[in-house]
């Protein structure tokens, strides 16, 4: 690996430049921006506010892959000769060396909390509060009657709870204990808020998701009753099931997953010659497989996704099946040779997810992400939605929760497996079944930011699939890539990084620690 003393010097320089160039603007507030206290007057205001909260979900997606997929064995930054400080930060995440002043880690944190603030403004207007003692979301009687029916108020509050829980679930898995902010606070009040413990954050997440399951729409998916991307009871149940799985509470996850499977109306996309590809088509959005997605809209309106530009090849070599968006192309988040080789040759997902210049690539430079790749006429303006929960995710979570190849679990596993053009499998109980489920999730959700969190969870839910063992093997297989750096690390040195405390969590952004003059904030171990 490249000499990290050199890398850290570049990080410091880049951070100093960035802070100098941005600090003058940090505290400037738009005086024409409507005050949240005065905004919610009519029923339409609540609709506008809710839509605004959905809109804020987009921003973190531009950074999430750097803290998740790149940390896993699925992708890497295929630019070992880079001297670009931003690229070096991505490389540092890959090798569990991320410094606490990593600007991308800060941006993911900041954009997530910005969205949470918008959601908290809406929940305040609705009169809902979190009771940490009971672990519930409570509904108070507003001093001024709301211009909403009780059912409308509860539905909007449920959708807001889902979005907030989604953010905190990502935060706690990325950073550990974070700041639990469930209401609007002033900058001065924020300085007095300590980091909450991981159990406290999960208690809050569960409260929000229970509120969502109780109050979001129960409309089933049909081709004629699309909800327009709004949160449903089924999305809330699926996310809550994933939370319970993460906590190894399989008995609580199973009934939720069973309900989604039996009652939601969602199903795998199986029609046509390329059903897996069609799940992600810009002309087939919100199909039967999409339980919840973050919506993007092209048209130079500021609502498009940047991922097509970020992930497309930086070269002009015409790689089969890879399109070249207008504008700057990043060439980031490249699939690893390891991921490519893990697929069966007959697996139709491989050709869609991974674009390569030759049939059997010999070097890491030939792999590019096919998923999220689409023709874009305006830079960073992709139409493609970001899938958060898919029906195949629900089926495979069920298999993980059951933990053994029951008739039902095998049926669900093979629904996903055979959809990819593969022959049905019948793994034995124990490590063979656990490997089959883990592999299926890897192949199915490649480049969807699931692999890293899956690995961490598998260590508990399916112990034979141990995250540290997987990543040590990853460094062994990827040694030809890492050997190209200046002052390269040996395989054993790379594998030792897996045992470093930095493995489990990203650092709390340094800016949160150094700017707090009232309340000392502890950093995560190893940073």
Protein backbone atom coordinates (compact mmCIF):
# COMPACT_ATOMS: atom_id res chain seq x y z
CA UNK A 1 0.00 0.00 0.00
CA UNK A 2 1.18 3.50 -0.71
CA UNK A 3 3.19 5.08 2.08
CA UNK A 4 0.52 6.38 4.46
CA UNK A 5 2.75 9.12 5.85
CA UNK A 6 2.68 10.68 2.39
CA UNK A 7 -1.04 10.10 2.08
CA UNK A 8 -1.86 11.68 5.44
CA UNK A 9 0.13 14.78 4.53
CA UNK A 10 -1.98 15.15 1.42
CA UNK A 11 -5.14 14.65 3.48
CA UNK A 12 -4.10 17.43 5.85
CA UNK A 13 -3.31 19.80 2.98
CA UNK A 14 -6.58 19.05 1.23
CA UNK A 15 -8.54 19.46 4.45
CA UNK A 16 -6.89 22.80 5.23
CA UNK A 17 -7.61 24.11 1.74
CA UNK A 18 -11.20 22.94 1.92
CA UNK A 19 -11.81 24.42 5.35
CA UNK A 20 -10.31 27.75 4.39
CA UNK A 21 -12.36 27.95 1.23
CA UNK A 22 -15.64 26.99 2.89
CA UNK A 23 -15.52 28.37 6.42
CA UNK A 24 -16.79 31.81 5.51
CA UNK A 25 -20.03 30.28 4.27
CA UNK A 26 -20.75 27.79 7.03
CA UNK A 27 -22.95 29.99 9.19
CA UNK A 28 -24.66 32.06 6.53
CA UNK A 29 -28.41 31.54 6.56
CA UNK A 30 -30.80 32.40 3.76
CA UNK A 31 -32.98 35.12 5.25
CA UNK A 32 -35.67 34.46 2.65
CA UNK A 33 -35.97 30.82 3.66
CA UNK A 34 -39.31 30.14 5.39
CA UNK A 35 -39.08 29.50 9.13
CA UNK A 36 -40.15 25.99 10.10
CA UNK A 37 -42.16 27.42 12.99
CA UNK A 38 -44.35 29.37 10.59
CA UNK A 39 -44.36 27.13 7.56
CA UNK A 40 -46.95 24.48 8.48
CA UNK A 41 -50.33 26.22 8.22
CA UNK A 42 -52.43 24.42 5.61
CA UNK A 43 -52.85 20.75 4.76
CA UNK A 44 -50.88 21.35 1.58
CA UNK A 45 -47.98 22.70 3.64
CA UNK A 46 -47.65 19.30 5.30
CA UNK A 47 -47.64 17.59 1.91
CA UNK A 48 -44.96 19.97 0.67
CA UNK A 49 -42.95 19.44 3.86
CA UNK A 50 -43.19 15.66 3.56
CA UNK A 51 -42.10 15.78 -0.09
CA UNK A 52 -39.20 17.97 0.96
CA UNK A 53 -38.11 15.34 3.47
CA UNK A 54 -38.15 12.69 0.74
CA UNK A 55 -36.03 14.99 -1.41
CA UNK A 56 -33.34 15.27 1.29
CA UNK A 57 -32.79 11.50 1.15
CA UNK A 58 -30.89 11.94 -2.13
CA UNK A 59 -27.80 13.77 -0.90
CA UNK A 60 -26.14 11.04 1.23
CA UNK A 61 -26.28 8.54 -1.66
CA UNK A 62 -23.42 10.35 -3.41
CA UNK A 63 -21.12 9.37 -0.52
CA UNK A 64 -22.55 6.18 0.94
CA UNK A 65 -20.70 3.80 -1.42
CA UNK A 66 -17.35 5.14 -0.19
CA UNK A 67 -18.14 4.04 3.38
CA UNK A 68 -19.82 0.75 2.52
CA UNK A 69 -19.21 -0.98 -0.82
CA UNK A 70 -15.56 0.14 -1.06
CA UNK A 71 -14.87 -1.14 2.47
CA UNK A 72 -16.15 -4.57 1.45
CA UNK A 73 -14.71 -7.16 -0.91
CA UNK A 74 -16.99 -6.01 -3.75
CA UNK A 75 -15.40 -2.82 -5.08
CA UNK A 76 -12.28 -0.67 -4.99
CA UNK A 77 -10.81 2.46 -6.54
CA UNK A 78 -9.06 1.31 -9.69
CA UNK A 79 -6.53 4.14 -9.83
CA UNK A 80 -3.49 3.06 -7.87
CA UNK A 81 -1.25 5.77 -9.36
CA UNK A 82 -3.47 8.61 -8.17
CA UNK A 83 -2.19 11.65 -6.32
CA UNK A 84 -5.65 13.21 -6.05
CA UNK A 85 -6.33 13.77 -2.31
CA UNK A 86 -10.00 12.88 -2.77
CA UNK A 87 -9.08 9.57 -4.39
CA UNK A 88 -6.61 8.85 -1.60
CA UNK A 89 -9.42 9.22 0.90
CA UNK A 90 -11.42 6.54 -0.92
CA UNK A 91 -8.36 4.28 -0.97
CA UNK A 92 -7.90 4.82 2.76
CA UNK A 93 -11.46 3.59 3.41
CA UNK A 94 -10.68 0.51 1.35
CA UNK A 95 -7.74 -0.38 3.62
CA UNK A 96 -9.34 0.61 6.95
CA UNK A 97 -7.03 3.60 7.30
CA UNK A 98 -9.58 6.42 7.03
CA UNK A 99 -8.51 9.50 9.02
CA UNK A 100 -11.07 11.33 11.13
CA UNK A 101 -10.73 14.40 8.88
CA UNK A 102 -11.83 12.49 5.76
CA UNK A 103 -14.08 14.97 3.95
CA UNK A 104 -16.26 12.27 2.41
CA UNK A 105 -16.96 10.78 5.84
CA UNK A 106 -17.83 14.29 7.00
CA UNK A 107 -20.10 14.89 4.01
CA UNK A 108 -22.02 11.65 4.53
CA UNK A 109 -22.50 12.59 8.18
CA UNK A 110 -23.49 16.19 7.39
CA UNK A 111 -25.96 15.42 4.59
CA UNK A 112 -27.60 12.73 6.72
CA UNK A 113 -28.07 15.03 9.70
CA UNK A 114 -29.33 17.79 7.39
CA UNK A 115 -32.06 15.42 6.25
CA UNK A 116 -32.82 14.44 9.85
CA UNK A 117 -33.26 18.11 10.73
CA UNK A 118 -35.89 18.52 8.01
CA UNK A 119 -37.70 15.43 9.24
CA UNK A 120 -37.60 16.68 12.83
CA UNK A 121 -39.17 19.96 11.72
CA UNK A 122 -42.06 18.01 10.23
CA UNK A 123 -42.53 15.76 13.26
CA UNK A 124 -42.55 18.80 15.54
CA UNK A 125 -45.30 20.41 13.47
CA UNK A 126 -47.26 17.15 13.66
CA UNK A 127 -46.96 17.07 17.44
CA UNK A 128 -45.10 13.77 17.71
CA UNK A 129 -42.26 13.20 20.18
CA UNK A 130 -39.99 10.35 21.17
CA UNK A 131 -40.32 8.99 24.71
CA UNK A 132 -36.98 7.31 25.51
CA UNK A 133 -38.32 5.79 28.71
CA UNK A 134 -41.04 3.80 26.97
CA UNK A 135 -39.28 3.59 23.61
CA UNK A 136 -42.33 4.89 21.75
CA UNK A 137 -43.37 7.73 19.49
CA UNK A 138 -46.11 9.70 21.22
CA UNK A 139 -48.81 11.91 19.69
CA UNK A 140 -49.72 15.03 21.64
CA UNK A 141 -52.82 17.17 21.23
CA UNK A 142 -51.73 20.31 19.33
CA UNK A 143 -52.51 23.67 20.92
CA UNK A 144 -53.76 24.81 17.52
CA UNK A 145 -55.80 22.13 15.72
CA UNK A 146 -54.01 20.72 12.71
CA UNK A 147 -55.58 21.09 9.24
CA UNK A 148 -55.35 17.31 8.87
CA UNK A 149 -57.56 14.37 9.71
CA UNK A 150 -56.22 12.01 12.35
CA UNK A 151 -55.47 9.37 9.75
CA UNK A 152 -53.60 11.85 7.55
CA UNK A 153 -51.60 13.14 10.48
CA UNK A 154 -50.67 9.61 11.52
CA UNK A 155 -49.73 8.58 7.99
CA UNK A 156 -47.41 11.56 7.47
CA UNK A 157 -45.87 10.99 10.89
CA UNK A 158 -45.34 7.32 10.04
CA UNK A 159 -43.57 8.15 6.79
CA UNK A 160 -41.39 10.70 8.58
CA UNK A 161 -40.52 8.12 11.24
CA UNK A 162 -39.43 5.64 8.57
CA UNK A 163 -37.11 8.16 6.94
CA UNK A 164 -35.55 9.14 10.26
CA UNK A 165 -35.09 5.49 11.25
CA UNK A 166 -33.50 4.74 7.88
CA UNK A 167 -30.93 7.48 8.50
CA UNK A 168 -30.15 6.45 12.07
CA UNK A 169 -29.82 2.81 11.04
CA UNK A 170 -27.16 3.84 8.52
CA UNK A 171 -25.47 6.13 11.05
CA UNK A 172 -25.27 3.58 13.86
CA UNK A 173 -23.90 0.88 11.56
CA UNK A 174 -21.32 3.30 10.14
CA UNK A 175 -20.24 5.31 13.20
CA UNK A 176 -21.57 3.41 16.23
CA UNK A 177 -23.17 5.58 18.92
CA UNK A 178 -24.09 8.94 17.40
CA UNK A 179 -26.02 12.04 18.45
CA UNK A 180 -29.67 11.21 19.00
CA UNK A 181 -31.51 14.31 17.83
CA UNK A 182 -35.26 13.81 17.66
CA UNK A 183 -36.31 17.46 17.59
CA UNK A 184 -35.19 20.85 16.30
CA UNK A 185 -32.27 22.17 18.34
CA UNK A 186 -30.29 25.38 18.18
CA UNK A 187 -26.55 25.29 17.42
CA UNK A 188 -25.85 26.10 21.07
CA UNK A 189 -28.13 23.30 22.28
CA UNK A 190 -26.47 20.88 19.88
CA UNK A 191 -23.13 21.40 21.62
CA UNK A 192 -24.59 19.96 24.83
CA UNK A 193 -25.83 16.73 23.25
CA UNK A 194 -23.52 13.77 23.96
CA UNK A 195 -23.08 10.67 21.85
CA UNK A 196 -25.79 8.15 22.66
CA UNK A 197 -24.93 4.50 23.12
CA UNK A 198 -25.55 1.98 20.34
CA UNK A 199 -28.45 0.36 22.30
CA UNK A 200 -30.06 3.79 22.79
CA UNK A 201 -29.87 4.51 19.05
CA UNK A 202 -31.40 1.13 18.19
CA UNK A 203 -34.18 1.70 20.71
CA UNK A 204 -34.99 4.96 18.91
CA UNK A 205 -34.85 3.31 15.48
CA UNK A 206 -37.24 0.57 16.58
CA UNK A 207 -39.65 3.14 18.05
CA UNK A 208 -39.71 5.05 14.79
CA UNK A 209 -40.20 1.92 12.68
CA UNK A 210 -42.97 0.60 14.90
CA UNK A 211 -44.71 3.94 14.47
CA UNK A 212 -44.24 3.59 10.70
CA UNK A 213 -45.63 0.03 10.58
CA UNK A 214 -48.69 1.15 12.53
CA UNK A 215 -49.46 4.27 10.51
CA UNK A 216 -48.12 4.06 6.95
CA UNK A 217 -50.44 3.02 4.15
CA UNK A 218 -51.34 -0.67 3.92
CA UNK A 219 -52.02 -0.40 0.20
CA UNK A 220 -50.76 -3.53 -1.51
CA UNK A 221 -48.60 -3.32 -4.58
CA UNK A 222 -50.46 -3.69 -7.84
CA UNK A 223 -49.66 -2.33 -11.27
CA UNK A 224 -52.60 0.06 -10.94
CA UNK A 225 -52.19 1.23 -7.34
CA UNK A 226 -48.64 2.55 -7.19
CA UNK A 227 -47.95 4.69 -4.12
CA UNK A 228 -45.61 7.03 -6.00
CA UNK A 229 -42.65 5.94 -3.93
CA UNK A 230 -44.18 6.77 -0.54
CA UNK A 231 -43.30 4.65 2.46
CA UNK A 232 -45.71 1.77 3.05
CA UNK A 233 -46.31 -0.52 5.99
CA UNK A 234 -44.46 -3.19 4.00
CA UNK A 235 -41.34 -1.07 3.65
CA UNK A 236 -41.41 -0.30 7.36
CA UNK A 237 -41.79 -3.99 8.23
CA UNK A 238 -38.93 -4.95 5.92
CA UNK A 239 -36.58 -2.34 7.37
CA UNK A 240 -37.57 -3.23 10.93
CA UNK A 241 -36.86 -6.89 10.13
CA UNK A 242 -33.37 -5.91 8.95
CA UNK A 243 -32.84 -4.00 12.19
CA UNK A 244 -33.89 -7.05 14.21
CA UNK A 245 -31.58 -9.28 12.14
CA UNK A 246 -28.71 -6.88 12.81
CA UNK A 247 -29.45 -7.26 16.53
CA UNK A 248 -29.66 -11.06 16.03
CA UNK A 249 -33.31 -11.05 17.09
CA UNK A 250 -34.42 -13.46 14.40
CA UNK A 251 -37.62 -14.39 16.18
CA UNK A 252 -38.79 -10.79 15.86
CA UNK A 253 -37.71 -10.47 12.23
CA UNK A 254 -39.47 -13.58 10.91
CA UNK A 255 -43.12 -12.55 11.40
CA UNK A 256 -42.44 -9.19 9.75
CA UNK A 257 -40.79 -10.81 6.74
CA UNK A 258 -43.57 -13.37 6.51
CA UNK A 259 -46.15 -10.60 6.45
CA UNK A 260 -44.38 -8.74 3.64
CA UNK A 261 -44.07 -11.93 1.61
CA UNK A 262 -47.66 -13.03 2.08
CA UNK A 263 -49.59 -9.78 2.15
CA UNK A 264 -47.73 -6.90 0.46
CA UNK A 265 -48.39 -7.76 -3.18
CA UNK A 266 -44.70 -7.36 -3.98
CA UNK A 267 -43.00 -10.02 -6.08
CA UNK A 268 -39.84 -10.69 -8.04
CA UNK A 269 -39.68 -9.35 -11.57
CA UNK A 270 -39.57 -12.53 -13.67
CA UNK A 271 -41.12 -11.66 -17.04
CA UNK A 272 -39.15 -11.08 -20.21
CA UNK A 273 -35.68 -12.16 -21.26
CA UNK A 274 -33.74 -9.93 -18.83
CA UNK A 275 -35.84 -9.77 -15.65
CA UNK A 276 -32.97 -8.90 -13.31
CA UNK A 277 -31.83 -6.06 -15.56
CA UNK A 278 -35.40 -4.79 -15.81
CA UNK A 279 -35.61 -4.27 -12.05
CA UNK A 280 -33.22 -1.31 -12.45
CA UNK A 281 -34.53 0.12 -15.72
CA UNK A 282 -35.32 3.83 -15.78
CA UNK A 283 -38.47 2.96 -17.74
CA UNK A 284 -39.61 0.40 -15.16
CA UNK A 285 -39.34 2.35 -11.91
CA UNK A 286 -41.33 1.33 -8.83
CA UNK A 287 -41.90 -2.15 -10.24
CA UNK A 288 -43.20 -5.04 -8.14
CA UNK A 289 -39.76 -5.74 -6.69
CA UNK A 290 -39.15 -2.24 -5.32
CA UNK A 291 -40.35 -2.12 -1.72
CA UNK A 292 -38.73 1.28 -1.17
CA UNK A 293 -36.42 3.41 -3.29
CA UNK A 294 -34.94 6.90 -3.12
CA UNK A 295 -36.24 8.64 -6.19
CA UNK A 296 -34.18 10.64 -8.66
CA UNK A 297 -35.44 12.66 -11.61
CA UNK A 298 -33.48 13.80 -14.64
CA UNK A 299 -34.25 16.95 -16.59
CA UNK A 300 -31.65 19.40 -15.22
CA UNK A 301 -33.93 20.14 -12.25
CA UNK A 302 -31.33 19.37 -9.59
CA UNK A 303 -33.02 16.07 -8.73
CA UNK A 304 -30.80 13.75 -10.78
CA UNK A 305 -28.32 11.17 -9.50
CA UNK A 306 -24.55 11.59 -9.85
CA UNK A 307 -23.77 7.85 -9.75
CA UNK A 308 -23.71 7.25 -13.51
CA UNK A 309 -21.02 9.92 -13.84
CA UNK A 310 -19.15 8.81 -10.74
CA UNK A 311 -18.93 5.15 -11.73
CA UNK A 312 -18.51 5.28 -15.51
CA UNK A 313 -15.13 4.64 -17.14
CA UNK A 314 -12.73 7.58 -17.29
CA UNK A 315 -11.30 6.24 -20.54
CA UNK A 316 -12.79 6.47 -24.00
CA UNK A 317 -12.24 2.78 -24.63
CA UNK A 318 -15.56 1.43 -25.79
CA UNK A 319 -16.38 -1.25 -23.29
CA UNK A 320 -19.28 -3.44 -24.35
CA UNK A 321 -22.50 -2.49 -22.61
CA UNK A 322 -21.03 0.55 -20.83
CA UNK A 323 -22.40 3.96 -21.76
CA UNK A 324 -20.55 7.23 -21.33
CA UNK A 325 -22.51 9.99 -19.56
CA UNK A 326 -22.04 13.60 -20.57
CA UNK A 327 -19.53 15.49 -18.44
CA UNK A 328 -16.85 14.35 -16.03
CA UNK A 329 -16.62 10.61 -15.44
CA UNK A 330 -15.11 9.43 -12.17
CA UNK A 331 -14.27 5.78 -12.76
CA UNK A 332 -14.96 5.04 -9.11
CA UNK A 333 -16.40 2.02 -7.33
CA UNK A 334 -14.94 -0.57 -9.68
CA UNK A 335 -16.01 -4.19 -9.13
CA UNK A 336 -13.13 -6.35 -7.90
CA UNK A 337 -11.85 -9.29 -9.96
CA UNK A 338 -12.78 -11.31 -6.88
CA UNK A 339 -16.44 -10.34 -7.22
CA UNK A 340 -16.44 -11.04 -10.95
CA UNK A 341 -14.88 -14.47 -10.48
CA UNK A 342 -17.28 -15.39 -7.67
CA UNK A 343 -20.20 -15.44 -10.12
CA UNK A 344 -20.98 -18.56 -12.09
CA UNK A 345 -20.39 -18.01 -15.79
CA UNK A 346 -24.09 -18.69 -16.42
CA UNK A 347 -25.25 -16.13 -13.84
CA UNK A 348 -27.04 -13.42 -15.82
CA UNK A 349 -26.47 -10.90 -13.06
CA UNK A 350 -22.73 -10.80 -13.73
CA UNK A 351 -23.01 -9.41 -17.24
CA UNK A 352 -25.39 -6.69 -16.04
CA UNK A 353 -23.58 -5.72 -12.84
CA UNK A 354 -20.03 -5.83 -14.20
CA UNK A 355 -18.83 -4.58 -17.56
CA UNK A 356 -15.46 -5.81 -18.77
CA UNK A 357 -13.41 -5.39 -21.88
CA UNK A 358 -12.67 -9.09 -22.31
CA UNK A 359 -14.50 -12.29 -21.46
CA UNK A 360 -11.87 -13.40 -18.94
CA UNK A 361 -10.14 -10.26 -17.63
CA UNK A 362 -6.58 -10.73 -16.53
CA UNK A 363 -6.08 -7.42 -14.72
CA UNK A 364 -8.11 -5.27 -12.36
CA UNK A 365 -8.17 -2.40 -14.84
CA UNK A 366 -10.79 -4.06 -17.01
CA UNK A 367 -13.76 -3.99 -14.61
CA UNK A 368 -16.46 -1.31 -14.47
CA UNK A 369 -19.80 -1.02 -12.74
CA UNK A 370 -22.70 -1.73 -15.09
CA UNK A 371 -25.39 -1.24 -12.49
CA UNK A 372 -26.31 2.47 -12.11
CA UNK A 373 -24.84 3.08 -15.59
CA UNK A 374 -27.17 4.93 -17.94
CA UNK A 375 -27.00 7.51 -20.72
CA UNK A 376 -27.01 10.97 -19.14
CA UNK A 377 -27.26 14.08 -21.29
CA UNK A 378 -26.59 16.51 -18.42
CA UNK A 379 -23.77 15.84 -15.97
CA UNK A 380 -24.83 14.23 -12.68
CA UNK A 381 -28.43 14.03 -13.84
CA UNK A 382 -29.21 10.32 -13.95
CA UNK A 383 -32.83 9.20 -13.80
CA UNK A 384 -32.08 5.95 -11.97
CA UNK A 385 -33.69 5.55 -8.56
CA UNK A 386 -31.67 4.13 -5.67
CA UNK A 387 -33.14 0.83 -4.38
CA UNK A 388 -33.18 0.70 -0.58
CA UNK A 389 -35.37 -2.38 -0.11
CA UNK A 390 -36.18 -4.96 -2.76
CA UNK A 391 -38.44 -8.00 -2.56
CA UNK A 392 -35.45 -10.27 -3.17
CA UNK A 393 -33.91 -8.70 -0.06
CA UNK A 394 -37.00 -9.74 1.92
CA UNK A 395 -36.82 -13.32 0.61
CA UNK A 396 -33.13 -13.67 1.45
CA UNK A 397 -33.55 -12.05 4.88
CA UNK A 398 -36.15 -14.72 5.57
CA UNK A 399 -33.59 -17.41 4.72
CA UNK A 400 -31.06 -15.75 7.02
CA UNK A 401 -33.57 -15.46 9.85
CA UNK A 402 -34.63 -19.13 9.57
CA UNK A 403 -30.97 -20.15 9.42
CA UNK A 404 -31.58 -23.64 8.06
CA UNK A 405 -32.73 -25.06 4.70
CA UNK A 406 -36.40 -25.59 5.43
CA UNK A 407 -38.66 -26.23 2.45
CA UNK A 408 -39.88 -22.64 2.54
CA UNK A 409 -36.40 -21.15 2.94
CA UNK A 410 -35.05 -23.19 0.02
CA UNK A 411 -38.00 -22.10 -2.09
CA UNK A 412 -37.26 -18.43 -1.41
CA UNK A 413 -33.51 -18.87 -1.94
CA UNK A 414 -34.09 -20.59 -5.26
CA UNK A 415 -36.60 -18.02 -6.46
CA UNK A 416 -33.74 -15.52 -6.44
CA UNK A 417 -31.11 -18.00 -7.62
CA UNK A 418 -33.00 -19.41 -10.61
CA UNK A 419 -34.20 -15.97 -11.72
CA UNK A 420 -30.52 -15.39 -12.60
CA UNK A 421 -30.59 -18.34 -15.02
CA UNK A 422 -29.03 -20.82 -12.61
CA UNK A 423 -30.03 -24.35 -11.61
CA UNK A 424 -31.78 -24.73 -8.25
CA UNK A 425 -29.52 -25.60 -5.32
CA UNK A 426 -30.06 -27.68 -2.18
CA UNK A 427 -27.33 -26.80 0.34
CA UNK A 428 -27.02 -28.81 3.54
CA UNK A 429 -27.77 -27.30 6.93
CA UNK A 430 -24.99 -25.41 8.64
CA UNK A 431 -22.10 -23.66 6.92
CA UNK A 432 -23.16 -24.76 3.41
CA UNK A 433 -26.56 -23.11 3.78
CA UNK A 434 -25.07 -20.01 5.37
CA UNK A 435 -22.56 -19.67 2.54
CA UNK A 436 -25.31 -20.11 -0.05
CA UNK A 437 -27.39 -17.31 1.50
CA UNK A 438 -24.37 -15.02 1.88
CA UNK A 439 -23.24 -15.65 -1.69
CA UNK A 440 -26.72 -15.07 -3.08
CA UNK A 441 -26.95 -11.72 -1.32
CA UNK A 442 -23.53 -10.75 -2.64
CA UNK A 443 -24.44 -11.56 -6.25
CA UNK A 444 -27.95 -10.13 -6.03
CA UNK A 445 -27.10 -6.80 -4.35
CA UNK A 446 -23.67 -6.06 -5.83
CA UNK A 447 -23.04 -2.30 -5.93
CA UNK A 448 -26.17 -1.56 -3.87
CA UNK A 449 -24.20 -0.71 -0.69
CA UNK A 450 -25.41 -3.82 1.11
CA UNK A 451 -22.32 -6.06 1.20
CA UNK A 452 -20.40 -4.32 4.00
CA UNK A 453 -23.32 -4.21 6.41
CA UNK A 454 -24.24 -7.76 5.40
CA UNK A 455 -20.77 -9.03 6.30
CA UNK A 456 -20.85 -7.35 9.70
CA UNK A 457 -24.29 -8.83 10.37
CA UNK A 458 -23.44 -12.32 9.09
CA UNK A 459 -20.70 -12.60 11.71
CA UNK A 460 -23.53 -12.81 14.24
CA UNK A 461 -26.49 -14.25 12.33
CA UNK A 462 -24.54 -16.81 10.26
CA UNK A 463 -21.27 -17.32 12.20
CA UNK A 464 -19.54 -19.43 9.55
CA UNK A 465 -19.46 -16.31 7.35
CA UNK A 466 -17.10 -14.17 9.41
CA UNK A 467 -16.48 -10.62 8.18
CA UNK A 468 -12.83 -10.54 9.22
CA UNK A 469 -12.07 -13.87 7.60
CA UNK A 470 -13.76 -12.72 4.40
CA UNK A 471 -11.77 -9.51 4.30
CA UNK A 472 -8.46 -11.22 5.06
CA UNK A 473 -9.10 -13.50 2.10
CA UNK A 474 -10.00 -10.40 0.06
CA UNK A 475 -6.60 -8.84 0.76
CA UNK A 476 -4.93 -12.11 -0.25
CA UNK A 477 -6.80 -12.26 -3.56
CA UNK A 478 -6.29 -8.55 -4.25
CA UNK A 479 -2.55 -8.52 -3.47
CA UNK A 480 -1.66 -7.96 -7.17
CA UNK A 481 -3.59 -4.67 -6.99
CA UNK A 482 -2.09 -3.48 -3.71
CA UNK A 483 1.43 -4.48 -4.80
CA UNK A 484 1.35 -1.73 -7.44
CA UNK A 485 1.48 1.04 -4.83
CA UNK A 486 4.64 2.81 -3.72
CA UNK A 487 6.02 1.12 -0.60
CA UNK A 488 3.44 -1.67 -0.87
CA UNK A 489 2.24 -3.59 2.15
CA UNK A 490 2.65 -7.33 2.25
CA UNK A 491 -0.38 -9.58 2.40
CA UNK A 492 0.14 -10.16 6.11
CA UNK A 493 0.42 -6.40 6.72
CA UNK A 494 -2.83 -5.82 4.85
CA UNK A 495 -4.55 -8.62 6.71
CA UNK A 496 -3.38 -7.16 10.02
CA UNK A 497 -5.47 -4.09 9.25
CA UNK A 498 -8.55 -6.27 9.58
CA UNK A 499 -7.73 -6.83 13.26
CA UNK A 500 -7.31 -3.10 13.84
CA UNK A 501 -10.11 -1.39 15.84
CA UNK A 502 -10.73 0.76 12.76
CA UNK A 503 -12.26 -2.26 11.03
CA UNK A 504 -15.73 -2.08 12.56
CA UNK A 505 -16.58 1.62 12.35
CA UNK A 506 -15.72 4.77 10.47
CA UNK A 507 -14.47 7.68 12.59
CA UNK A 508 -16.70 10.35 14.04
CA UNK A 509 -15.86 13.35 11.81
CA UNK A 510 -13.07 15.31 13.41
CA UNK A 511 -14.94 18.57 12.91
CA UNK A 512 -17.60 17.37 15.39
CA UNK A 513 -14.92 16.85 18.02
CA UNK A 514 -12.68 19.89 17.60
CA UNK A 515 -15.50 22.43 17.29
CA UNK A 516 -17.37 21.33 20.43
CA UNK A 517 -16.21 23.65 23.20
CA UNK A 518 -18.85 22.51 25.72
CA UNK A 519 -19.00 18.76 25.62
CA UNK A 520 -15.96 16.54 24.97
CA UNK A 521 -16.82 14.00 22.27
CA UNK A 522 -15.08 10.64 22.31
CA UNK A 523 -13.64 9.26 19.08
CA UNK A 524 -14.12 5.68 17.91
CA UNK A 525 -11.34 3.23 18.84
CA UNK A 526 -8.23 3.30 16.67
CA UNK A 527 -8.66 6.82 15.33
